Protein backbone atom coordinates (compact mmCIF):
# COMPACT_ATOMS: atom_id res chain seq x y z
CA MET A 1 3.20 -51.35 -75.01
CA LEU A 2 0.47 -51.24 -72.73
CA ASP A 3 0.22 -55.12 -72.33
CA LYS A 4 3.60 -55.18 -71.39
CA ILE A 5 3.22 -52.61 -68.56
CA LYS A 6 0.17 -54.46 -67.42
CA GLN A 7 2.29 -57.91 -67.49
CA LEU A 8 4.66 -56.07 -65.14
CA THR A 9 2.31 -54.48 -62.92
CA LYS A 10 0.51 -57.76 -62.36
CA ASP A 11 3.80 -59.47 -61.36
CA THR A 12 4.42 -56.36 -59.00
CA ALA A 13 0.85 -56.54 -57.67
CA VAL A 14 1.71 -60.37 -56.59
CA TYR A 15 4.88 -59.87 -55.30
CA GLY A 16 3.72 -56.80 -53.67
CA ILE A 17 0.88 -58.47 -51.87
CA SER A 18 3.54 -60.79 -50.22
CA THR A 19 6.24 -58.34 -49.58
CA ILE A 20 3.67 -55.71 -48.17
CA LEU A 21 1.34 -58.27 -46.13
CA GLY A 22 4.79 -60.29 -45.00
CA ARG A 23 6.72 -57.36 -44.41
CA PHE A 24 4.16 -55.64 -42.25
CA PHE A 25 4.17 -58.35 -39.81
CA GLY A 26 7.55 -57.65 -39.76
CA PHE A 27 7.45 -53.95 -39.74
CA ILE A 28 4.99 -54.02 -36.79
CA LEU A 29 8.10 -55.92 -34.97
CA THR A 30 9.77 -52.59 -34.52
CA PRO A 31 7.32 -51.03 -32.26
CA PHE A 32 7.15 -54.46 -30.36
CA TYR A 33 10.73 -54.53 -29.83
CA THR A 34 10.81 -50.96 -28.51
CA HIS A 35 8.56 -52.34 -25.84
CA VAL A 36 10.02 -55.80 -25.24
CA LEU A 37 13.94 -54.74 -25.45
CA PRO A 38 15.24 -53.89 -21.74
CA ASP A 39 16.86 -50.46 -23.26
CA LYS A 40 17.58 -48.75 -26.31
CA GLY A 41 21.12 -49.93 -26.22
CA GLU A 42 19.82 -53.78 -26.86
CA MET A 43 18.19 -52.37 -29.78
CA GLY A 44 21.42 -51.14 -31.24
CA ILE A 45 23.19 -54.26 -30.54
CA TYR A 46 20.66 -56.22 -32.21
CA ASN A 47 20.82 -53.92 -35.42
CA ASN A 48 24.84 -54.45 -35.43
CA TYR A 49 24.56 -58.15 -35.60
CA TYR A 50 22.05 -57.84 -38.27
CA ALA A 51 24.33 -55.24 -40.12
CA ALA A 52 26.73 -58.05 -40.09
CA ILE A 53 24.49 -60.36 -41.52
CA ALA A 54 23.72 -57.96 -44.44
CA PHE A 55 27.11 -57.58 -45.37
CA LEU A 56 28.02 -61.50 -45.12
CA ASN A 57 25.03 -62.73 -47.46
CA VAL A 58 26.57 -60.24 -50.03
CA VAL A 59 29.99 -62.21 -49.78
CA PHE A 60 28.18 -65.61 -49.72
CA ILE A 61 26.16 -65.34 -52.54
CA TYR A 62 28.98 -63.42 -54.77
CA GLY A 63 26.57 -62.56 -57.48
CA MET A 64 25.70 -65.75 -58.20
CA ASP A 65 22.11 -65.26 -58.21
CA ALA A 66 22.02 -62.58 -61.06
CA ALA A 67 24.45 -64.87 -62.99
CA PHE A 68 21.96 -67.89 -62.69
CA MET A 69 19.00 -65.45 -63.87
CA LYS A 70 21.20 -64.37 -66.76
CA TYR A 71 22.29 -67.87 -68.21
CA ALA A 72 18.92 -69.84 -67.24
CA SER A 73 16.75 -66.92 -69.06
CA LEU A 74 18.64 -67.85 -71.88
CA ASN A 75 18.13 -71.66 -71.98
CA SER A 76 15.15 -74.21 -71.36
CA GLY A 77 14.63 -77.70 -70.66
CA GLU A 78 17.58 -79.90 -69.47
CA THR A 79 20.07 -76.88 -70.02
CA LYS A 80 18.24 -74.49 -67.80
CA LYS A 81 18.37 -77.33 -65.14
CA LYS A 82 22.32 -77.55 -65.45
CA VAL A 83 22.50 -74.15 -65.00
CA PHE A 84 20.34 -74.28 -61.89
CA SER A 85 22.44 -77.31 -60.64
CA THR A 86 25.94 -75.61 -61.09
CA ALA A 87 24.78 -72.47 -59.53
CA LEU A 88 23.07 -74.29 -56.26
CA ILE A 89 25.86 -76.55 -55.83
CA ALA A 90 28.55 -74.05 -56.42
CA VAL A 91 26.86 -71.48 -53.69
CA THR A 92 26.08 -74.65 -51.26
CA VAL A 93 30.08 -75.67 -51.36
CA THR A 94 31.35 -71.90 -50.68
CA THR A 95 29.06 -71.29 -48.15
CA ILE A 96 30.16 -74.24 -45.80
CA ILE A 97 33.67 -73.36 -46.67
CA LEU A 98 32.88 -69.51 -45.62
CA SER A 99 30.95 -70.57 -42.61
CA VAL A 100 33.94 -72.87 -41.25
CA ALA A 101 35.91 -69.88 -41.80
CA LEU A 102 33.82 -67.39 -39.81
CA TYR A 103 33.53 -69.91 -36.95
CA PHE A 104 37.41 -69.70 -36.03
CA LEU A 105 36.89 -65.59 -36.34
CA GLN A 106 34.33 -65.39 -33.66
CA ASN A 107 36.62 -63.77 -31.32
CA SER A 108 37.42 -61.05 -33.79
CA PHE A 109 33.89 -60.48 -34.34
CA MET A 110 32.98 -59.84 -30.58
CA SER A 111 36.07 -57.44 -30.56
CA TYR A 112 34.43 -55.52 -33.38
CA LEU A 113 30.98 -55.18 -31.79
CA ASP A 114 32.97 -53.91 -28.60
CA ILE A 115 29.63 -54.50 -26.59
CA PRO A 116 29.38 -52.30 -23.41
CA GLU A 117 30.37 -54.43 -19.84
CA LYS A 118 26.90 -53.47 -18.47
CA TYR A 119 25.55 -56.01 -21.22
CA LEU A 120 27.99 -58.47 -20.76
CA LEU A 121 27.48 -58.91 -16.85
CA ILE A 122 24.06 -60.29 -17.49
CA ASP A 123 24.94 -63.31 -19.55
CA PRO A 124 28.11 -62.74 -21.59
CA ASP A 125 28.02 -66.27 -23.46
CA ARG A 126 24.80 -64.98 -24.98
CA PHE A 127 26.52 -62.95 -27.44
CA TYR A 128 28.59 -66.13 -28.64
CA ARG A 129 25.35 -67.87 -29.10
CA PHE A 130 23.90 -65.00 -31.16
CA PHE A 131 26.99 -65.56 -33.19
CA TYR A 132 26.45 -69.18 -33.72
CA TYR A 133 22.75 -68.46 -34.36
CA LEU A 134 24.07 -65.88 -37.05
CA ILE A 135 26.09 -68.58 -38.99
CA PHE A 136 23.26 -70.78 -39.48
CA ILE A 137 21.15 -68.45 -40.69
CA LEU A 138 23.48 -67.35 -42.97
CA ILE A 139 23.88 -70.86 -44.50
CA LEU A 140 20.04 -71.04 -44.63
CA ASP A 141 19.27 -67.93 -46.48
CA THR A 142 22.45 -68.33 -49.12
CA VAL A 143 21.06 -72.23 -49.97
CA THR A 144 17.68 -70.41 -50.66
CA ILE A 145 18.76 -67.53 -52.66
CA ILE A 146 19.31 -69.60 -55.97
CA PRO A 147 15.52 -71.37 -55.77
CA PHE A 148 13.69 -68.28 -54.98
CA ALA A 149 15.59 -66.79 -57.76
CA TYR A 150 14.43 -69.78 -60.04
CA LEU A 151 10.63 -68.86 -59.16
CA ARG A 152 11.21 -65.38 -59.84
CA LEU A 153 12.60 -66.17 -63.30
CA GLU A 154 9.97 -68.85 -64.24
CA ARG A 155 7.17 -66.18 -62.93
CA LYS A 156 5.96 -68.37 -60.36
CA SER A 157 5.31 -65.07 -58.24
CA LYS A 158 2.20 -66.86 -56.34
CA LYS A 159 4.49 -69.54 -55.14
CA PHE A 160 7.22 -66.74 -54.37
CA ALA A 161 4.88 -64.67 -52.83
CA LEU A 162 3.17 -67.73 -50.33
CA ILE A 163 6.71 -68.71 -49.39
CA ARG A 164 7.52 -65.39 -48.25
CA LEU A 165 4.47 -64.68 -46.53
CA ILE A 166 4.30 -68.01 -44.33
CA ASN A 167 8.10 -67.03 -43.57
CA ILE A 168 7.61 -63.75 -41.93
CA VAL A 169 4.11 -64.94 -40.49
CA VAL A 170 6.01 -67.74 -38.80
CA ASN A 171 8.83 -65.37 -37.85
CA LEU A 172 6.30 -62.98 -36.47
CA LEU A 173 4.58 -65.65 -34.07
CA LEU A 174 7.80 -67.06 -32.81
CA ASN A 175 8.70 -63.75 -31.98
CA LEU A 176 5.73 -62.95 -29.96
CA PHE A 177 6.02 -66.49 -28.33
CA PHE A 178 9.68 -66.50 -27.38
CA PHE A 179 9.30 -62.70 -26.00
CA ILE A 180 6.34 -63.04 -24.14
CA LYS A 181 5.80 -66.51 -23.27
CA LEU A 182 9.30 -67.70 -22.71
CA LYS A 183 10.92 -64.73 -21.96
CA TRP A 184 14.13 -65.13 -23.65
CA GLY A 185 14.69 -61.59 -24.46
CA MET A 186 16.97 -60.64 -27.49
CA GLU A 187 17.55 -64.37 -28.15
CA SER A 188 13.99 -64.79 -29.27
CA ILE A 189 14.93 -62.59 -32.62
CA PHE A 190 17.80 -65.00 -33.46
CA VAL A 191 16.13 -68.28 -32.77
CA ALA A 192 12.75 -66.84 -34.50
CA ASN A 193 14.77 -65.96 -37.59
CA LEU A 194 16.43 -69.17 -37.79
CA ILE A 195 13.51 -71.40 -37.51
CA ALA A 196 11.94 -69.29 -40.02
CA SER A 197 14.88 -69.72 -42.31
CA LEU A 198 14.68 -73.31 -42.12
CA LEU A 199 11.20 -73.43 -43.49
CA ASN A 200 12.17 -71.42 -46.37
CA LEU A 201 14.27 -74.50 -47.23
CA VAL A 202 11.59 -77.01 -46.36
CA LEU A 203 9.06 -75.09 -48.62
CA LEU A 204 11.52 -74.74 -51.47
CA ALA A 205 12.37 -78.46 -51.41
CA PRO A 206 9.97 -79.61 -54.22
CA ASP A 207 11.59 -77.05 -56.65
CA ILE A 208 14.86 -77.57 -55.83
CA LEU A 209 14.61 -81.58 -56.15
CA GLN A 210 12.91 -81.11 -59.40
CA ASN A 211 15.46 -79.52 -60.89
CA LEU A 212 18.68 -80.58 -59.29
CA VAL A 213 20.93 -82.80 -61.19
CA LEU A 214 24.18 -83.47 -58.90
CA LYS A 215 26.73 -82.28 -61.27
CA ILE A 216 28.56 -78.79 -62.07
CA ASP A 217 28.79 -78.23 -65.79
CA LYS A 218 32.42 -76.43 -65.77
CA GLU A 219 31.71 -74.30 -68.58
CA TYR A 220 28.25 -72.41 -66.94
CA LEU A 221 30.21 -72.32 -63.79
CA ARG A 222 33.10 -70.30 -65.35
CA LYS A 223 30.32 -68.20 -67.28
CA MET A 224 28.35 -67.33 -63.99
CA PHE A 225 31.35 -66.89 -62.04
CA TRP A 226 32.92 -64.14 -64.16
CA PHE A 227 29.53 -62.59 -64.64
CA GLY A 228 28.53 -62.56 -61.02
CA VAL A 229 32.15 -61.74 -59.55
CA PRO A 230 31.78 -58.00 -60.26
CA TYR A 231 28.54 -57.89 -58.47
CA LEU A 232 30.65 -58.79 -54.99
CA PRO A 233 32.48 -55.52 -55.05
CA ALA A 234 29.35 -53.56 -56.19
CA SER A 235 26.87 -55.74 -53.54
CA LEU A 236 29.25 -54.74 -50.86
CA SER A 237 29.79 -50.91 -51.63
CA ALA A 238 25.76 -51.36 -51.94
CA THR A 239 25.16 -52.89 -48.41
CA ILE A 240 27.86 -50.39 -47.18
CA VAL A 241 25.18 -47.93 -48.13
CA GLN A 242 22.27 -49.69 -46.60
CA VAL A 243 23.69 -50.48 -43.01
CA ILE A 244 27.35 -48.93 -42.72
CA ASN A 245 25.60 -46.17 -40.58
CA ARG A 246 24.66 -48.41 -37.98
CA PRO A 247 28.44 -49.29 -36.74
CA MET A 248 29.25 -45.66 -37.53
CA VAL A 249 26.48 -44.20 -35.66
CA GLU A 250 27.51 -46.84 -32.58
CA LYS A 251 31.24 -45.73 -32.98
CA LEU A 252 30.60 -41.94 -33.20
CA THR A 253 27.83 -41.90 -30.46
CA ASP A 254 26.77 -44.96 -28.55
CA TYR A 255 24.56 -48.22 -28.51
CA GLU A 256 21.66 -46.22 -27.28
CA THR A 257 21.67 -43.79 -29.97
CA LEU A 258 22.09 -46.37 -32.14
CA GLY A 259 19.19 -48.09 -30.87
CA VAL A 260 16.73 -44.79 -31.45
CA PHE A 261 18.10 -44.65 -35.20
CA SER A 262 17.97 -48.13 -36.16
CA ALA A 263 14.03 -48.22 -34.83
CA SER A 264 13.14 -45.44 -37.06
CA TYR A 265 15.47 -46.40 -39.64
CA LYS A 266 13.39 -49.33 -40.31
CA LEU A 267 9.83 -47.34 -40.12
CA GLY A 268 11.58 -45.27 -43.29
CA THR A 269 12.47 -48.61 -44.97
CA LEU A 270 8.41 -48.74 -45.74
CA MET A 271 9.80 -47.23 -49.20
CA MET A 272 12.20 -49.96 -49.41
CA LEU A 273 9.45 -52.73 -49.29
CA VAL A 274 7.69 -51.03 -52.33
CA VAL A 275 11.01 -50.78 -54.23
CA MET A 276 11.55 -54.45 -53.26
CA MET A 277 8.32 -55.65 -54.90
CA PHE A 278 9.28 -53.53 -57.65
CA GLN A 279 12.53 -55.13 -58.32
CA PHE A 280 11.32 -58.58 -57.91
CA ALA A 281 9.02 -58.14 -61.15
CA TRP A 282 11.20 -55.59 -62.94
CA GLN A 283 14.37 -57.55 -63.13
CA PRO A 284 13.05 -60.93 -65.16
CA PHE A 285 10.41 -58.28 -66.71
CA PHE A 286 13.40 -56.12 -68.93
CA LEU A 287 15.20 -59.29 -69.38
CA THR A 288 12.52 -61.01 -71.50
CA ASN A 289 11.33 -57.98 -73.03
CA ALA A 290 14.68 -56.58 -74.12
CA LYS A 291 14.10 -57.77 -77.78
CA GLU A 292 10.66 -55.83 -78.03
CA LYS A 293 10.63 -53.34 -80.71
CA ASN A 294 9.42 -50.83 -78.09
CA ALA A 295 11.34 -52.26 -75.20
CA LYS A 296 13.26 -48.67 -74.56
CA GLU A 297 9.87 -46.78 -74.84
CA ILE A 298 8.23 -49.04 -72.37
CA PHE A 299 11.14 -48.91 -69.96
CA SER A 300 10.77 -44.98 -70.19
CA LYS A 301 7.36 -45.06 -69.14
CA VAL A 302 7.90 -47.49 -66.28
CA LEU A 303 10.35 -44.84 -64.57
CA THR A 304 7.77 -42.21 -65.10
CA LEU A 305 5.05 -44.11 -63.41
CA PHE A 306 7.18 -45.48 -60.84
CA LEU A 307 8.50 -42.21 -59.67
CA LEU A 308 4.89 -40.82 -59.52
CA PHE A 309 3.52 -43.42 -57.47
CA THR A 310 6.44 -43.35 -55.31
CA SER A 311 6.52 -39.65 -54.61
CA LEU A 312 2.85 -40.00 -53.70
CA LEU A 313 3.86 -42.51 -51.13
CA TRP A 314 6.50 -40.86 -49.95
CA ILE A 315 4.15 -37.33 -49.13
CA VAL A 316 1.54 -39.75 -47.43
CA ILE A 317 4.10 -41.61 -45.22
CA SER A 318 6.20 -38.75 -43.95
CA LEU A 319 3.42 -36.72 -43.03
CA PHE A 320 1.57 -39.31 -41.25
CA ILE A 321 4.01 -42.10 -39.86
CA ASP A 322 4.51 -39.87 -36.36
CA ASP A 323 0.66 -39.91 -35.83
CA VAL A 324 0.34 -43.50 -36.45
CA MET A 325 3.36 -44.23 -34.31
CA LYS A 326 2.30 -42.23 -31.46
CA MET A 327 -1.45 -43.58 -31.13
CA LYS A 328 -1.85 -44.99 -27.84
CA ILE A 329 -3.59 -48.24 -27.72
CA PHE A 330 -5.32 -49.01 -24.01
CA GLY A 331 -3.05 -46.19 -22.87
CA ILE A 332 0.16 -47.74 -24.67
CA SER A 333 1.82 -45.90 -27.60
CA ILE A 334 2.42 -48.17 -30.61
CA TYR A 335 5.84 -47.02 -30.63
CA GLN A 336 7.94 -46.47 -27.48
CA GLU A 337 8.11 -42.86 -26.17
CA ARG A 338 11.82 -43.20 -25.60
CA TYR A 339 12.38 -43.81 -28.97
CA GLN A 340 9.88 -41.48 -30.59
CA ASP A 341 12.73 -38.47 -31.04
CA GLY A 342 14.11 -40.48 -33.83
CA LEU A 343 10.85 -40.12 -35.97
CA VAL A 344 12.41 -37.25 -37.65
CA ILE A 345 14.80 -38.98 -39.65
CA VAL A 346 11.92 -41.05 -41.28
CA PRO A 347 11.01 -38.54 -44.49
CA ILE A 348 15.01 -38.55 -45.29
CA ILE A 349 15.04 -42.43 -45.19
CA LEU A 350 11.84 -42.55 -47.26
CA LEU A 351 13.55 -40.43 -49.74
CA GLY A 352 16.60 -42.38 -50.08
CA TYR A 353 14.98 -45.42 -50.72
CA LEU A 354 12.91 -43.60 -53.78
CA PHE A 355 15.95 -42.94 -55.26
CA ASN A 356 17.20 -46.35 -54.74
CA GLY A 357 14.22 -47.18 -56.76
CA ILE A 358 15.38 -44.82 -59.46
CA TYR A 359 18.77 -46.93 -59.23
CA TYR A 360 17.06 -50.24 -59.98
CA ASN A 361 15.12 -48.67 -62.79
CA PHE A 362 18.60 -47.63 -64.87
CA GLN A 363 19.97 -51.25 -64.03
CA ALA A 364 18.01 -52.33 -67.43
CA GLY A 365 20.51 -51.02 -69.75
CA ILE A 366 23.56 -52.52 -67.78
CA TYR A 367 22.14 -56.01 -67.77
CA ILE A 368 20.97 -56.19 -71.36
CA GLU A 369 24.42 -54.97 -72.84
CA GLU A 370 26.69 -56.96 -70.06
CA LYS A 371 28.15 -53.91 -68.53
CA THR A 372 28.02 -55.18 -65.23
CA LYS A 373 31.53 -54.22 -64.57
CA TYR A 374 30.50 -50.42 -64.18
CA PHE A 375 28.26 -51.56 -61.24
CA PRO A 376 31.35 -51.41 -58.73
CA ILE A 377 32.30 -47.92 -59.83
CA VAL A 378 28.63 -46.57 -59.12
CA THR A 379 28.18 -48.31 -56.02
CA SER A 380 31.63 -47.71 -54.83
CA ALA A 381 30.96 -44.02 -55.27
CA GLY A 382 27.78 -44.28 -53.39
CA ALA A 383 29.70 -45.91 -50.53
CA ILE A 384 32.66 -43.42 -50.12
CA VAL A 385 29.86 -40.62 -50.16
CA ASN A 386 28.25 -42.52 -47.39
CA VAL A 387 31.04 -43.02 -45.35
CA VAL A 388 32.34 -39.72 -45.66
CA ALA A 389 28.91 -38.08 -45.09
CA ASN A 390 28.27 -40.19 -42.02
CA LEU A 391 31.96 -38.90 -40.53
CA LEU A 392 31.11 -35.43 -41.15
CA LEU A 393 27.15 -35.19 -40.25
CA ILE A 394 26.98 -37.40 -37.31
CA PRO A 395 29.21 -35.65 -35.10
CA ALA A 396 27.16 -32.43 -36.18
CA LEU A 397 23.79 -33.73 -36.34
CA GLY A 398 23.56 -36.75 -35.03
CA ILE A 399 20.94 -39.36 -36.54
CA VAL A 400 19.67 -36.99 -38.86
CA GLY A 401 23.18 -36.65 -40.08
CA ALA A 402 23.32 -40.44 -40.66
CA ALA A 403 20.12 -40.13 -42.55
CA LEU A 404 21.33 -37.43 -44.92
CA ALA A 405 24.38 -39.49 -45.64
CA THR A 406 22.22 -42.14 -46.91
CA LEU A 407 20.10 -39.98 -48.92
CA ALA A 408 23.10 -38.54 -50.39
CA SER A 409 24.71 -42.10 -51.48
CA TYR A 410 21.48 -42.97 -53.15
CA ILE A 411 21.40 -39.93 -55.31
CA VAL A 412 24.78 -40.09 -56.16
CA MET A 413 24.04 -44.11 -57.27
CA ALA A 414 21.08 -43.31 -59.22
CA TYR A 415 22.87 -40.51 -61.35
CA GLY A 416 25.96 -42.57 -61.64
CA LEU A 417 24.22 -45.82 -63.27
CA TYR A 418 21.80 -43.36 -65.32
CA TYR A 419 25.35 -42.02 -67.04
CA TYR A 420 26.66 -45.42 -67.56
CA SER A 421 23.50 -47.03 -68.85
CA GLN A 422 22.61 -44.02 -71.19
CA LYS A 423 26.00 -44.49 -72.78
CA PHE A 424 25.35 -48.25 -73.93
CA TYR A 425 21.87 -48.48 -73.75
CA LYS A 426 20.28 -44.79 -74.64
CA ILE A 427 16.61 -44.46 -73.53
CA GLU A 428 14.81 -41.65 -74.00
CA TYR A 429 13.38 -40.91 -70.51
CA GLU A 430 10.86 -38.26 -69.90
CA LEU A 431 13.52 -36.02 -68.03
CA SER A 432 11.57 -32.90 -67.71
CA LYS A 433 8.73 -34.95 -66.06
CA ILE A 434 11.13 -36.40 -63.79
CA ALA A 435 12.92 -32.88 -62.90
CA ARG A 436 9.74 -31.46 -61.86
CA ILE A 437 8.72 -34.54 -59.54
CA ILE A 438 12.19 -34.28 -58.24
CA PHE A 439 12.07 -30.55 -57.76
CA LEU A 440 9.12 -31.09 -55.95
CA LEU A 441 10.18 -33.69 -53.61
CA PHE A 442 13.01 -31.61 -52.19
CA ALA A 443 10.97 -28.31 -52.23
CA THR A 444 8.39 -30.18 -50.06
CA SER A 445 11.19 -31.75 -47.86
CA GLY A 446 12.42 -28.11 -47.23
CA VAL A 447 8.93 -26.84 -46.21
CA TYR A 448 8.51 -29.99 -44.02
CA TYR A 449 11.45 -29.25 -42.07
CA TYR A 450 11.08 -25.74 -41.64
CA ILE A 451 7.78 -26.29 -40.22
CA TYR A 452 8.89 -28.99 -38.04
CA TYR A 453 11.63 -27.42 -36.62
CA ASN A 454 10.11 -23.51 -36.37
CA VAL A 455 6.43 -23.70 -36.03
CA GLY A 456 5.27 -27.44 -35.28
CA LEU A 457 3.95 -29.67 -37.52
CA THR A 458 0.31 -30.03 -36.86
CA PHE A 459 -2.40 -32.20 -38.46
CA THR A 460 -3.45 -28.83 -40.46
CA TYR A 461 -0.29 -28.15 -41.73
CA LYS A 462 -0.16 -31.70 -42.88
CA LEU A 463 -3.54 -31.86 -44.94
CA ILE A 464 -2.53 -28.66 -46.52
CA MET A 465 1.00 -30.03 -47.40
CA LEU A 466 -0.47 -33.18 -48.89
CA LEU A 467 -3.26 -31.11 -51.21
CA GLY A 468 -0.51 -29.17 -52.16
CA PHE A 469 1.66 -31.41 -52.93
CA VAL A 470 -0.91 -33.40 -55.42
CA GLY A 471 -2.24 -30.01 -56.61
CA MET A 472 1.32 -29.20 -57.99
CA LEU A 473 1.72 -32.52 -59.61
CA PHE A 474 -1.15 -30.90 -62.04
CA VAL A 475 0.04 -27.24 -61.78
CA MET A 476 3.48 -28.06 -62.95
CA ARG A 477 1.92 -30.50 -65.66
CA VAL A 478 3.63 -33.81 -64.37
CA VAL A 479 0.34 -35.55 -64.81
CA SER A 480 -3.13 -34.79 -66.31
CA LYS A 481 -6.78 -35.98 -65.83
CA SER A 482 -6.79 -38.11 -68.87
CA GLU A 483 -3.47 -40.02 -68.15
CA ILE A 484 -4.99 -40.76 -64.69
CA LEU A 485 -8.16 -41.77 -66.27
CA ARG A 486 -5.87 -44.04 -68.61
CA LEU A 487 -3.68 -45.62 -66.03
CA SER A 488 -6.98 -46.26 -63.82
CA LYS A 489 -8.68 -48.34 -66.47
CA MET A 490 -5.47 -50.21 -66.95
CA LEU A 491 -5.09 -51.08 -63.62
CA LEU A 492 -8.95 -52.22 -63.21
CA ARG A 493 -8.43 -54.48 -66.05
CA ILE A 494 -5.86 -56.37 -64.73
CA LYS A 495 -7.05 -59.79 -63.41
């Protein structure tokens, strides 16, 4: 079992290096945007465009990436190339059709955005240009999803990581050039993204050409379509959980409030980056190790270790993210002062994505037993909770209410998937340890916000809370010294 977990840890580390380093460059764009965008409303408008991209990405791929990984993992040689080609050609054709349809819906899209008149007075045509950029970004990103999935399946994690890293660095540098040198304003974000997405396609071209056969296998197309279709409503619901709060905050408040919320929400997605790098390694890992005799024991231990690691990460980021963002360099705050009120939501968003990571852990049984039809049920429940909670909480609590709605939906999704996964692929998880960690997380959250609102969260309080959290892990017997030593030795042996 140890060797298998080491294998997962190695892949996670490689994916993690690219994701963390690459996303770090993207992450620092958020403080940068708080300085270069003229007002908070423009931050809100830009985020509403990208919320639309998130929804449309799901529609354009319609679960074909998961279907490809499922059937490609069962085959090799020419048959695997046949599966690759069928998936890629099908996605490319449908992407072109959907893009044309989207183009003719541009006026409806602009009406949905409902951009305030004061922004339209500057240059009304630019918002239509942004829409055209959006379409081309969608095309490029969708066409490269299958090749990226191929790299993951083949465990070419270093190549995957390098391409991702190059993409993010280029995106960052172009943002800086367009904003600072050319002074293109918000348009800089879209043009930089478009060029970086095109670069992805260029870098993946050798793998595409090596595996592409200009022929669709009808039988595999049928299998992949029906395997992937359940992912469409499920993925749409999951996307609602992730981004529906943006348009809802805007509709229930205004674009300025959305700007503050969106900027701070992105700081909370630091946990999402960790979950993402785990997921990149986790899905191929459990698919290829499902037939191992001790597979369930391995999967159980993985969840405990994941939850322990992310809990420690949660407490550190929650306590000190505002100190980092409020630091001044040459007299200028890293995070522009007018956005700093939004930092209060960061611990809630971090905790939400931690539960999202638990949800991904529970996916193993659903994939292995091919019970993907339950994904829509679980994610739809999360989406409904999210929408209802946003409607109830935003008017009363503002952006804190929107953050709590996100947390509630991820908790519902994690529990829902646990329920269905255990019905068909029962795993003896270390529930006692898991319950103690979750209790500690919520208890610490309560203390955090009590001190924040009633006393003031000074640096001294933060240190006490950090030491208290770590100490309670030992007091509550979540971890022991022997386990720490054994885990440390295992990680040190990974080459």
